[in-house]
N, C-alpha and C. Protein backbone atom coordinates (compact mmCIF):
# COMPACT_ATOMS: atom_id res chain seq x y z
N MET A 1 116.02 -16.55 121.42
CA MET A 1 115.66 -15.62 122.49
C MET A 1 116.94 -15.13 123.16
N THR A 2 117.00 -13.77 123.41
CA THR A 2 118.22 -13.15 123.96
C THR A 2 118.33 -13.45 125.44
N ASP A 3 119.56 -13.74 125.83
CA ASP A 3 119.82 -14.06 127.23
C ASP A 3 119.85 -12.78 128.05
N PRO A 4 118.96 -12.66 129.09
CA PRO A 4 118.95 -11.44 129.93
C PRO A 4 120.26 -11.18 130.60
N THR A 5 120.95 -12.23 130.94
CA THR A 5 122.23 -12.05 131.61
C THR A 5 123.24 -11.39 130.70
N ALA A 6 123.24 -11.78 129.43
CA ALA A 6 124.17 -11.20 128.44
C ALA A 6 123.85 -9.74 128.20
N ARG A 7 122.48 -9.41 128.14
CA ARG A 7 122.08 -8.02 127.91
C ARG A 7 122.51 -7.14 129.07
N SER A 8 122.41 -7.60 130.27
CA SER A 8 122.83 -6.84 131.45
C SER A 8 124.32 -6.59 131.43
N ALA A 9 125.08 -7.60 130.97
CA ALA A 9 126.53 -7.44 130.89
C ALA A 9 126.90 -6.38 129.86
N GLU A 10 126.15 -6.37 128.73
CA GLU A 10 126.42 -5.37 127.69
C GLU A 10 126.12 -3.96 128.21
N ASN A 11 125.00 -3.81 128.93
CA ASN A 11 124.65 -2.50 129.49
C ASN A 11 125.70 -2.02 130.49
N ALA A 12 126.17 -2.91 131.30
CA ALA A 12 127.18 -2.55 132.30
C ALA A 12 128.47 -2.12 131.61
N ALA A 13 128.82 -2.83 130.53
CA ALA A 13 130.04 -2.48 129.79
C ALA A 13 129.90 -1.10 129.15
N ALA A 14 128.70 -0.83 128.61
CA ALA A 14 128.47 0.48 127.98
C ALA A 14 128.57 1.60 129.00
N GLU A 15 127.98 1.40 130.18
CA GLU A 15 128.05 2.42 131.23
C GLU A 15 129.49 2.65 131.68
N ALA A 16 130.26 1.55 131.75
CA ALA A 16 131.67 1.67 132.14
C ALA A 16 132.44 2.47 131.11
N ASP A 17 132.13 2.25 129.81
CA ASP A 17 132.78 3.01 128.75
C ASP A 17 132.43 4.49 128.85
N ASN A 18 131.14 4.81 129.12
CA ASN A 18 130.72 6.21 129.26
C ASN A 18 131.41 6.89 130.43
N THR A 19 131.53 6.15 131.53
CA THR A 19 132.19 6.71 132.72
C THR A 19 133.65 7.01 132.44
N ALA A 20 134.33 6.09 131.74
CA ALA A 20 135.74 6.29 131.40
C ALA A 20 135.91 7.47 130.47
N ALA A 21 134.99 7.61 129.51
CA ALA A 21 135.08 8.74 128.56
C ALA A 21 134.87 10.06 129.28
N GLN A 22 133.93 10.12 130.21
CA GLN A 22 133.69 11.35 130.97
C GLN A 22 134.88 11.70 131.85
N ALA A 23 135.53 10.66 132.42
CA ALA A 23 136.70 10.91 133.26
C ALA A 23 137.85 11.44 132.43
N ALA A 24 137.98 10.93 131.18
CA ALA A 24 139.05 11.41 130.30
C ALA A 24 138.76 12.81 129.79
N ASP A 25 137.51 13.18 129.59
CA ASP A 25 137.12 14.50 129.07
C ASP A 25 136.02 15.06 129.95
N PRO A 26 136.40 15.84 131.00
CA PRO A 26 135.38 16.36 131.91
C PRO A 26 134.36 17.24 131.23
N SER A 27 134.76 17.88 130.12
CA SER A 27 133.82 18.77 129.44
C SER A 27 132.67 18.01 128.81
N ALA A 28 132.89 16.68 128.59
CA ALA A 28 131.84 15.88 128.00
C ALA A 28 130.75 15.53 129.00
N ALA A 29 131.05 15.71 130.30
CA ALA A 29 130.09 15.40 131.34
C ALA A 29 128.97 16.42 131.31
N PRO A 30 127.78 16.05 131.55
CA PRO A 30 126.65 17.01 131.57
C PRO A 30 126.82 18.00 132.70
N ARG A 31 126.60 19.29 132.40
CA ARG A 31 126.77 20.35 133.39
C ARG A 31 125.44 20.65 134.05
N SER A 32 125.50 20.82 135.33
CA SER A 32 124.28 21.15 136.08
C SER A 32 124.58 22.34 136.98
N ASP A 33 125.24 23.47 136.37
CA ASP A 33 125.61 24.64 137.15
C ASP A 33 124.37 25.33 137.69
N ASP A 34 124.56 25.93 138.86
CA ASP A 34 123.50 26.73 139.46
C ASP A 34 123.38 28.03 138.67
N PRO A 35 122.23 28.36 138.14
CA PRO A 35 122.09 29.60 137.35
C PRO A 35 122.40 30.85 138.17
N VAL A 36 122.15 30.84 139.45
CA VAL A 36 122.47 32.00 140.30
C VAL A 36 123.97 32.20 140.40
N ALA A 37 124.71 31.07 140.59
CA ALA A 37 126.16 31.15 140.67
C ALA A 37 126.74 31.63 139.34
N ALA A 38 126.18 31.13 138.24
CA ALA A 38 126.66 31.56 136.92
C ALA A 38 126.41 33.05 136.72
N ALA A 39 125.26 33.52 137.16
CA ALA A 39 124.94 34.95 137.02
C ALA A 39 125.89 35.80 137.86
N ARG A 40 126.23 35.31 139.05
CA ARG A 40 127.15 36.04 139.91
C ARG A 40 128.55 36.13 139.29
N ARG A 41 128.99 35.00 138.70
CA ARG A 41 130.30 35.01 138.04
C ARG A 41 130.31 36.01 136.88
N GLU A 42 129.25 36.01 136.12
CA GLU A 42 129.15 36.93 134.98
C GLU A 42 129.12 38.38 135.46
N ALA A 43 128.40 38.64 136.54
CA ALA A 43 128.34 39.99 137.09
C ALA A 43 129.71 40.44 137.59
N ALA A 44 130.46 39.52 138.22
CA ALA A 44 131.80 39.84 138.71
C ALA A 44 132.74 40.17 137.55
N GLU A 45 132.59 39.42 136.45
CA GLU A 45 133.42 39.70 135.28
C GLU A 45 133.12 41.08 134.71
N TYR A 46 131.84 41.42 134.60
CA TYR A 46 131.46 42.73 134.10
C TYR A 46 131.93 43.85 135.03
N LYS A 47 131.85 43.60 136.34
CA LYS A 47 132.30 44.60 137.30
C LYS A 47 133.80 44.85 137.16
N ASP A 48 134.56 43.77 136.99
CA ASP A 48 136.00 43.90 136.81
C ASP A 48 136.31 44.71 135.55
N LYS A 49 135.60 44.43 134.46
CA LYS A 49 135.82 45.18 133.22
C LYS A 49 135.48 46.66 133.40
N VAL A 50 134.40 46.94 134.11
CA VAL A 50 134.00 48.34 134.33
C VAL A 50 135.04 49.08 135.17
N LEU A 51 135.54 48.43 136.23
CA LEU A 51 136.55 49.04 137.09
C LEU A 51 137.84 49.31 136.33
N ARG A 52 138.23 48.36 135.47
CA ARG A 52 139.44 48.56 134.67
C ARG A 52 139.26 49.74 133.70
N THR A 53 138.08 49.82 133.10
CA THR A 53 137.80 50.92 132.17
C THR A 53 137.82 52.27 132.89
N LEU A 54 137.23 52.32 134.08
CA LEU A 54 137.22 53.56 134.85
C LEU A 54 138.64 53.98 135.24
N ALA A 55 139.48 53.00 135.63
CA ALA A 55 140.86 53.31 135.99
C ALA A 55 141.62 53.85 134.78
N GLU A 56 141.41 53.24 133.62
CA GLU A 56 142.08 53.72 132.41
C GLU A 56 141.62 55.13 132.05
N MET A 57 140.33 55.40 132.19
CA MET A 57 139.81 56.74 131.90
C MET A 57 140.37 57.78 132.86
N GLU A 58 140.52 57.41 134.13
CA GLU A 58 141.08 58.35 135.12
C GLU A 58 142.54 58.64 134.81
N ASN A 59 143.30 57.61 134.44
CA ASN A 59 144.70 57.83 134.06
C ASN A 59 144.80 58.72 132.83
N LEU A 60 143.91 58.51 131.87
CA LEU A 60 143.91 59.33 130.66
C LEU A 60 143.56 60.78 130.99
N ARG A 61 142.61 60.97 131.91
CA ARG A 61 142.22 62.33 132.30
C ARG A 61 143.39 63.06 132.96
N ARG A 62 144.08 62.38 133.88
CA ARG A 62 145.21 62.99 134.56
C ARG A 62 146.34 63.31 133.59
N ARG A 63 146.61 62.38 132.68
CA ARG A 63 147.68 62.60 131.71
C ARG A 63 147.34 63.77 130.79
N THR A 64 146.08 63.89 130.40
CA THR A 64 145.67 65.00 129.54
C THR A 64 145.78 66.32 130.27
N GLU A 65 145.36 66.35 131.54
CA GLU A 65 145.48 67.58 132.32
C GLU A 65 146.93 68.00 132.46
N ARG A 66 147.83 67.02 132.70
CA ARG A 66 149.25 67.33 132.84
C ARG A 66 149.83 67.87 131.54
N GLU A 67 149.43 67.28 130.42
CA GLU A 67 149.92 67.75 129.13
C GLU A 67 149.42 69.15 128.81
N VAL A 68 148.16 69.42 129.16
CA VAL A 68 147.62 70.76 128.93
C VAL A 68 148.33 71.79 129.80
N THR A 69 148.60 71.44 131.06
CA THR A 69 149.31 72.34 131.95
C THR A 69 150.72 72.62 131.46
N ASP A 70 151.42 71.56 131.05
CA ASP A 70 152.78 71.74 130.52
C ASP A 70 152.78 72.60 129.28
N ALA A 71 151.80 72.40 128.41
CA ALA A 71 151.74 73.20 127.19
C ALA A 71 151.49 74.67 127.52
N ARG A 72 150.66 74.92 128.54
CA ARG A 72 150.36 76.31 128.92
C ARG A 72 151.56 76.97 129.58
N VAL A 73 152.30 76.23 130.41
CA VAL A 73 153.42 76.82 131.16
C VAL A 73 154.68 76.90 130.31
N TYR A 74 154.98 75.80 129.60
CA TYR A 74 156.27 75.72 128.90
C TYR A 74 156.16 75.94 127.39
N GLY A 75 154.96 76.21 126.91
CA GLY A 75 154.78 76.39 125.48
C GLY A 75 155.47 77.63 124.93
N ILE A 76 155.75 78.61 125.80
CA ILE A 76 156.38 79.85 125.34
C ILE A 76 157.89 79.83 125.55
N ALA A 77 158.45 78.66 125.88
CA ALA A 77 159.88 78.59 126.21
C ALA A 77 160.75 79.09 125.05
N SER A 78 160.44 78.66 123.83
CA SER A 78 161.25 79.08 122.68
C SER A 78 161.15 80.59 122.46
N PHE A 79 159.94 81.12 122.56
CA PHE A 79 159.76 82.56 122.39
C PHE A 79 160.45 83.33 123.51
N ALA A 80 160.37 82.81 124.74
CA ALA A 80 160.97 83.49 125.88
C ALA A 80 162.49 83.57 125.73
N ARG A 81 163.12 82.52 125.20
CA ARG A 81 164.58 82.56 124.99
C ARG A 81 164.96 83.67 124.02
N ASP A 82 164.15 83.85 122.99
CA ASP A 82 164.44 84.93 122.03
C ASP A 82 164.29 86.30 122.69
N VAL A 83 163.30 86.43 123.57
CA VAL A 83 163.09 87.71 124.25
C VAL A 83 164.24 87.99 125.22
N LEU A 84 164.81 86.93 125.82
CA LEU A 84 165.91 87.13 126.76
C LEU A 84 167.11 87.78 126.08
N ALA A 85 167.32 87.48 124.82
CA ALA A 85 168.42 88.11 124.09
C ALA A 85 168.22 89.62 124.02
N VAL A 86 166.99 90.06 123.84
CA VAL A 86 166.69 91.49 123.82
C VAL A 86 166.93 92.10 125.20
N ALA A 87 166.48 91.41 126.25
CA ALA A 87 166.68 91.90 127.61
C ALA A 87 168.16 91.99 127.95
N ASP A 88 168.96 91.03 127.50
CA ASP A 88 170.41 91.05 127.76
C ASP A 88 171.06 92.26 127.08
N ASN A 89 170.68 92.53 125.85
CA ASN A 89 171.28 93.65 125.13
C ASN A 89 170.93 94.99 125.80
N MET A 90 169.70 95.10 126.28
CA MET A 90 169.31 96.32 126.97
C MET A 90 170.10 96.48 128.26
N HIS A 91 170.29 95.38 128.97
CA HIS A 91 171.03 95.44 130.24
C HIS A 91 172.49 95.81 129.98
N ARG A 92 173.10 95.24 128.95
CA ARG A 92 174.49 95.57 128.62
C ARG A 92 174.63 97.04 128.24
N ALA A 93 173.65 97.53 127.50
CA ALA A 93 173.70 98.93 127.11
C ALA A 93 173.65 99.86 128.32
N LEU A 94 172.82 99.50 129.31
CA LEU A 94 172.72 100.33 130.51
C LEU A 94 173.98 100.22 131.36
N GLU A 95 174.58 99.02 131.41
CA GLU A 95 175.80 98.86 132.19
C GLU A 95 176.97 99.63 131.57
N ALA A 96 176.92 99.81 130.26
CA ALA A 96 178.01 100.52 129.58
C ALA A 96 178.00 102.01 129.89
N ILE A 97 176.90 102.50 130.40
CA ILE A 97 176.79 103.92 130.76
C ILE A 97 177.24 104.08 132.21
N GLY A 98 178.41 104.62 132.41
CA GLY A 98 178.93 104.78 133.75
C GLY A 98 178.27 105.91 134.52
N PRO A 99 178.50 105.96 135.82
CA PRO A 99 177.90 107.02 136.65
C PRO A 99 178.30 108.42 136.20
N GLU A 100 179.55 108.59 135.77
CA GLU A 100 180.00 109.92 135.35
C GLU A 100 179.25 110.39 134.11
N LEU A 101 179.07 109.46 133.17
CA LEU A 101 178.35 109.82 131.95
C LEU A 101 176.90 110.16 132.25
N ARG A 102 176.32 109.48 133.19
CA ARG A 102 174.94 109.79 133.56
C ARG A 102 174.82 111.21 134.14
N GLU A 103 175.81 111.58 134.96
CA GLU A 103 175.75 112.89 135.61
C GLU A 103 176.01 114.03 134.62
N THR A 104 176.92 113.79 133.69
CA THR A 104 177.29 114.86 132.76
C THR A 104 176.44 114.89 131.51
N ALA A 105 175.59 113.89 131.30
CA ALA A 105 174.77 113.85 130.09
C ALA A 105 173.72 114.96 130.11
N ASP A 106 173.36 115.43 128.92
CA ASP A 106 172.33 116.47 128.83
C ASP A 106 170.96 115.86 129.11
N PRO A 107 169.97 116.66 129.35
CA PRO A 107 168.64 116.16 129.72
C PRO A 107 168.05 115.17 128.72
N LYS A 108 168.30 115.38 127.44
CA LYS A 108 167.73 114.47 126.44
C LYS A 108 168.35 113.08 126.56
N VAL A 109 169.67 113.03 126.77
CA VAL A 109 170.32 111.72 126.93
C VAL A 109 169.85 111.05 128.21
N LYS A 110 169.71 111.82 129.30
CA LYS A 110 169.21 111.26 130.56
C LYS A 110 167.80 110.69 130.39
N ALA A 111 166.98 111.41 129.64
CA ALA A 111 165.62 110.93 129.39
C ALA A 111 165.65 109.63 128.59
N LEU A 112 166.59 109.54 127.64
CA LEU A 112 166.72 108.32 126.86
C LEU A 112 167.14 107.15 127.75
N ILE A 113 168.10 107.41 128.64
CA ILE A 113 168.56 106.35 129.56
C ILE A 113 167.42 105.89 130.45
N GLU A 114 166.69 106.84 130.99
CA GLU A 114 165.55 106.48 131.86
C GLU A 114 164.50 105.70 131.09
N GLY A 115 164.31 106.05 129.83
CA GLY A 115 163.34 105.32 129.01
C GLY A 115 163.77 103.87 128.77
N VAL A 116 165.07 103.65 128.55
CA VAL A 116 165.58 102.29 128.36
C VAL A 116 165.44 101.49 129.65
N GLU A 117 165.73 102.12 130.80
CA GLU A 117 165.57 101.43 132.09
C GLU A 117 164.12 101.05 132.34
N LEU A 118 163.21 101.95 132.01
CA LEU A 118 161.79 101.66 132.18
C LEU A 118 161.36 100.52 131.27
N THR A 119 161.84 100.53 130.05
CA THR A 119 161.50 99.46 129.11
C THR A 119 162.03 98.11 129.61
N GLU A 120 163.23 98.10 130.16
CA GLU A 120 163.79 96.87 130.70
C GLU A 120 162.94 96.34 131.85
N ARG A 121 162.53 97.23 132.75
CA ARG A 121 161.69 96.79 133.88
C ARG A 121 160.36 96.24 133.39
N GLU A 122 159.76 96.89 132.42
CA GLU A 122 158.47 96.42 131.90
C GLU A 122 158.62 95.07 131.21
N LEU A 123 159.75 94.89 130.52
CA LEU A 123 159.99 93.62 129.84
C LEU A 123 160.12 92.49 130.85
N LEU A 124 160.86 92.74 131.93
CA LEU A 124 161.02 91.71 132.97
C LEU A 124 159.69 91.41 133.65
N LYS A 125 158.87 92.44 133.86
CA LYS A 125 157.54 92.22 134.45
C LYS A 125 156.67 91.36 133.54
N SER A 126 156.75 91.62 132.24
CA SER A 126 155.95 90.83 131.29
C SER A 126 156.41 89.38 131.28
N LEU A 127 157.72 89.17 131.35
CA LEU A 127 158.23 87.80 131.40
C LEU A 127 157.77 87.09 132.67
N GLU A 128 157.87 87.79 133.80
CA GLU A 128 157.46 87.19 135.07
C GLU A 128 155.96 86.90 135.09
N LYS A 129 155.19 87.75 134.44
CA LYS A 129 153.75 87.54 134.37
C LYS A 129 153.43 86.25 133.63
N ASN A 130 154.30 85.86 132.73
CA ASN A 130 154.10 84.63 131.95
C ASN A 130 154.92 83.46 132.49
N GLY A 131 155.35 83.57 133.73
CA GLY A 131 156.02 82.44 134.39
C GLY A 131 157.52 82.39 134.22
N VAL A 132 158.13 83.42 133.63
CA VAL A 132 159.58 83.45 133.43
C VAL A 132 160.18 84.38 134.47
N LYS A 133 161.01 83.83 135.36
CA LYS A 133 161.58 84.62 136.45
C LYS A 133 163.10 84.66 136.35
N LYS A 134 163.64 85.82 136.64
CA LYS A 134 165.09 86.04 136.61
C LYS A 134 165.67 85.70 137.97
N PHE A 135 166.87 85.10 138.00
CA PHE A 135 167.54 84.84 139.28
C PHE A 135 169.03 85.13 139.13
N SER A 136 169.59 85.69 140.19
CA SER A 136 171.01 86.02 140.23
C SER A 136 171.58 85.38 141.50
N PRO A 137 172.38 84.32 141.37
CA PRO A 137 172.80 83.52 142.53
C PRO A 137 174.07 84.00 143.22
N GLN A 138 174.28 85.30 143.29
CA GLN A 138 175.48 85.82 143.92
C GLN A 138 175.59 85.35 145.37
N GLY A 139 176.74 84.73 145.73
CA GLY A 139 176.97 84.27 147.09
C GLY A 139 176.35 82.93 147.42
N GLU A 140 175.56 82.36 146.52
CA GLU A 140 174.92 81.08 146.79
C GLU A 140 175.87 79.92 146.47
N LYS A 141 175.54 78.75 146.98
CA LYS A 141 176.33 77.56 146.69
C LYS A 141 176.15 77.19 145.22
N PHE A 142 177.25 76.86 144.57
CA PHE A 142 177.18 76.52 143.16
C PHE A 142 176.35 75.26 142.94
N ASP A 143 175.39 75.35 142.01
CA ASP A 143 174.51 74.23 141.69
C ASP A 143 174.60 74.00 140.18
N PRO A 144 175.19 72.87 139.75
CA PRO A 144 175.33 72.62 138.31
C PRO A 144 174.00 72.51 137.58
N ASN A 145 172.92 72.29 138.32
CA ASN A 145 171.61 72.22 137.68
C ASN A 145 171.06 73.60 137.35
N LEU A 146 171.57 74.63 138.02
CA LEU A 146 171.08 76.00 137.82
C LEU A 146 172.14 76.93 137.27
N HIS A 147 173.40 76.61 137.50
CA HIS A 147 174.50 77.52 137.15
C HIS A 147 175.46 76.86 136.17
N GLN A 148 176.09 77.69 135.38
CA GLN A 148 177.14 77.23 134.48
C GLN A 148 178.44 77.95 134.84
N ALA A 149 179.42 77.19 135.32
CA ALA A 149 180.69 77.78 135.76
C ALA A 149 181.53 78.16 134.54
N MET A 150 182.00 79.42 134.55
CA MET A 150 182.82 79.92 133.45
C MET A 150 184.30 79.96 133.82
N TYR A 151 184.58 80.21 135.09
CA TYR A 151 185.96 80.25 135.57
C TYR A 151 185.95 80.22 137.09
N GLU A 152 187.14 80.12 137.69
CA GLU A 152 187.28 80.14 139.14
C GLU A 152 187.89 81.47 139.57
N ILE A 153 187.48 81.93 140.73
CA ILE A 153 188.02 83.17 141.27
C ILE A 153 188.43 82.96 142.72
N GLN A 154 189.32 83.82 143.21
CA GLN A 154 189.75 83.77 144.59
C GLN A 154 188.99 84.85 145.37
N ASP A 155 188.32 84.44 146.43
CA ASP A 155 187.57 85.39 147.25
C ASP A 155 187.58 84.87 148.69
N ASP A 156 188.33 85.57 149.55
CA ASP A 156 188.46 85.13 150.94
C ASP A 156 187.19 85.36 151.75
N LYS A 157 186.27 86.16 151.23
CA LYS A 157 185.05 86.47 151.97
C LYS A 157 183.96 85.42 151.77
N LEU A 158 184.12 84.58 150.76
CA LEU A 158 183.11 83.57 150.46
C LEU A 158 183.71 82.17 150.55
N PRO A 159 182.91 81.19 150.96
CA PRO A 159 183.43 79.81 151.04
C PRO A 159 183.68 79.24 149.64
N SER A 160 184.62 78.33 149.56
CA SER A 160 184.91 77.71 148.27
C SER A 160 183.69 76.94 147.78
N GLY A 161 183.50 76.95 146.47
CA GLY A 161 182.35 76.26 145.90
C GLY A 161 181.11 77.12 145.80
N SER A 162 181.21 78.38 146.21
CA SER A 162 180.06 79.29 146.12
C SER A 162 180.23 80.20 144.90
N VAL A 163 179.16 80.88 144.54
CA VAL A 163 179.18 81.78 143.38
C VAL A 163 179.76 83.12 143.81
N GLY A 164 180.94 83.44 143.27
CA GLY A 164 181.59 84.69 143.64
C GLY A 164 181.29 85.82 142.69
N GLN A 165 180.85 85.50 141.48
CA GLN A 165 180.54 86.53 140.50
C GLN A 165 179.50 86.01 139.51
N VAL A 166 178.53 86.84 139.20
CA VAL A 166 177.49 86.49 138.23
C VAL A 166 177.77 87.25 136.94
N ILE A 167 178.12 86.52 135.91
CA ILE A 167 178.41 87.14 134.62
C ILE A 167 177.12 87.44 133.87
N GLN A 168 176.19 86.51 133.93
CA GLN A 168 174.91 86.67 133.26
C GLN A 168 173.84 85.99 134.09
N ALA A 169 172.78 86.71 134.40
CA ALA A 169 171.71 86.16 135.23
C ALA A 169 171.02 84.99 134.53
N GLY A 170 170.44 84.11 135.33
CA GLY A 170 169.71 82.98 134.79
C GLY A 170 168.21 83.23 134.83
N TYR A 171 167.46 82.36 134.17
CA TYR A 171 166.00 82.49 134.12
C TYR A 171 165.37 81.11 134.30
N MET A 172 164.26 81.09 135.04
CA MET A 172 163.45 79.90 135.24
C MET A 172 162.12 80.09 134.53
N ILE A 173 161.57 79.00 134.02
CA ILE A 173 160.20 79.00 133.51
C ILE A 173 159.44 77.90 134.23
N GLY A 174 158.51 78.28 135.05
CA GLY A 174 157.86 77.29 135.92
C GLY A 174 158.89 76.75 136.89
N ASP A 175 159.04 75.44 136.94
CA ASP A 175 160.06 74.83 137.80
C ASP A 175 161.22 74.29 136.99
N ARG A 176 161.38 74.76 135.76
CA ARG A 176 162.47 74.32 134.90
C ARG A 176 163.43 75.48 134.61
N VAL A 177 164.66 75.13 134.29
CA VAL A 177 165.67 76.14 133.95
C VAL A 177 165.49 76.51 132.49
N LEU A 178 165.18 77.78 132.26
CA LEU A 178 165.10 78.28 130.89
C LEU A 178 166.49 78.60 130.36
N ARG A 179 167.30 79.21 131.25
CA ARG A 179 168.69 79.49 130.90
C ARG A 179 169.51 79.54 132.18
N PRO A 180 170.59 78.75 132.26
CA PRO A 180 171.39 78.76 133.49
C PRO A 180 172.15 80.07 133.63
N ALA A 181 172.46 80.42 134.87
CA ALA A 181 173.24 81.61 135.14
C ALA A 181 174.71 81.32 134.87
N LEU A 182 175.39 82.26 134.21
CA LEU A 182 176.83 82.12 133.96
C LEU A 182 177.56 82.75 135.13
N VAL A 183 178.39 81.97 135.80
CA VAL A 183 178.98 82.43 137.06
C VAL A 183 180.47 82.11 137.13
N GLY A 184 181.13 82.82 138.05
CA GLY A 184 182.49 82.50 138.45
C GLY A 184 182.43 81.87 139.83
N VAL A 185 183.10 80.74 140.00
CA VAL A 185 183.01 79.96 141.24
C VAL A 185 184.25 80.22 142.09
N VAL A 186 184.03 80.39 143.38
CA VAL A 186 185.13 80.62 144.32
C VAL A 186 185.90 79.32 144.49
N LYS A 187 187.20 79.38 144.28
CA LYS A 187 188.03 78.19 144.42
C LYS A 187 188.62 78.12 145.83
N ALA A 188 189.03 76.93 146.20
CA ALA A 188 189.62 76.74 147.53
C ALA A 188 190.96 77.45 147.61
N PRO A 189 191.31 77.99 148.77
CA PRO A 189 192.60 78.67 148.91
C PRO A 189 193.74 77.69 148.71
N PRO A 190 194.86 78.13 148.15
CA PRO A 190 195.99 77.21 147.91
C PRO A 190 196.56 76.70 149.22
N LYS A 191 196.91 75.44 149.22
CA LYS A 191 197.50 74.84 150.41
C LYS A 191 199.00 75.08 150.42
N ALA A 192 199.54 75.29 151.61
CA ALA A 192 200.98 75.50 151.74
C ALA A 192 201.71 74.22 151.39
N SER A 193 202.81 74.32 150.67
CA SER A 193 203.57 73.14 150.26
C SER A 193 204.31 72.55 151.44
N ALA A 194 204.72 71.31 151.29
CA ALA A 194 205.45 70.62 152.37
C ALA A 194 206.80 71.28 152.60
N ASN A 195 207.43 71.82 151.52
CA ASN A 195 208.73 72.47 151.65
C ASN A 195 208.64 73.74 152.48
N SER A 196 207.58 74.53 152.20
CA SER A 196 207.41 75.77 152.96
C SER A 196 207.13 75.47 154.42
N ASN A 197 206.41 74.37 154.68
CA ASN A 197 206.11 74.00 156.06
C ASN A 197 207.39 73.59 156.79
N SER A 198 208.25 72.83 156.10
CA SER A 198 209.49 72.39 156.74
C SER A 198 210.42 73.57 156.99
N GLN A 199 210.42 74.55 156.06
CA GLN A 199 211.23 75.74 156.27
C GLN A 199 210.74 76.54 157.46
N ALA A 200 209.40 76.61 157.56
CA ALA A 200 208.83 77.35 158.69
C ALA A 200 209.18 76.66 160.00
N ASP A 201 209.14 75.32 160.02
CA ASP A 201 209.49 74.60 161.23
C ASP A 201 210.97 74.80 161.58
N GLY A 202 211.82 74.84 160.56
CA GLY A 202 213.24 75.03 160.81
C GLY A 202 213.54 76.39 161.35
N SER A 203 212.88 77.41 160.80
CA SER A 203 213.12 78.77 161.28
C SER A 203 212.64 78.90 162.72
N THR A 204 211.55 78.18 163.04
CA THR A 204 211.04 78.26 164.42
C THR A 204 212.01 77.60 165.39
N ALA A 205 212.57 76.47 164.91
CA ALA A 205 213.52 75.76 165.80
C ALA A 205 214.77 76.59 166.03
N ASN A 206 215.25 77.34 165.03
CA ASN A 206 216.42 78.18 165.22
C ASN A 206 216.09 79.34 166.15
């Protein structure tokens, strides 16, 4: 016949072993989660995923709109540069005709000149209609982002570092530089040498 005392000791030992195993591996312990709390956690996870997806879609929409806008505004940049060469040649041709030649030219030549001037104006209007604008920075402060300095000039009427002469006008497309203006920059006036200053002081003292 089995001793009840021994059986109780065995049961206690088994329970102690189960408790130790559960303490070593919490996942082995029976779970008694509240189904409402579990549902709330799951709902929060789904909400987070939905919000992340919406944010990604909004970023994609904005990026697509920006790319479409850039393509519409700047897509003609290469073509516009080619057209500028035509506009430059027309402008040079008109500048080559001096006032005396205009006055002494026969009516047919005058009509031809007026026709070229009209064509140039219409060409510039068409460019501006498509977002390409001409700028001539005469007298403005030199800006390396907009202007390309070709040489320095002396001009007492303008401050140093300003544009004293525009060799070739620049063009903008949207808010970008399509072609910088070629300019001559006013240089600072030469400073008197120390020798000349000492001579001047000596002459004054005499």
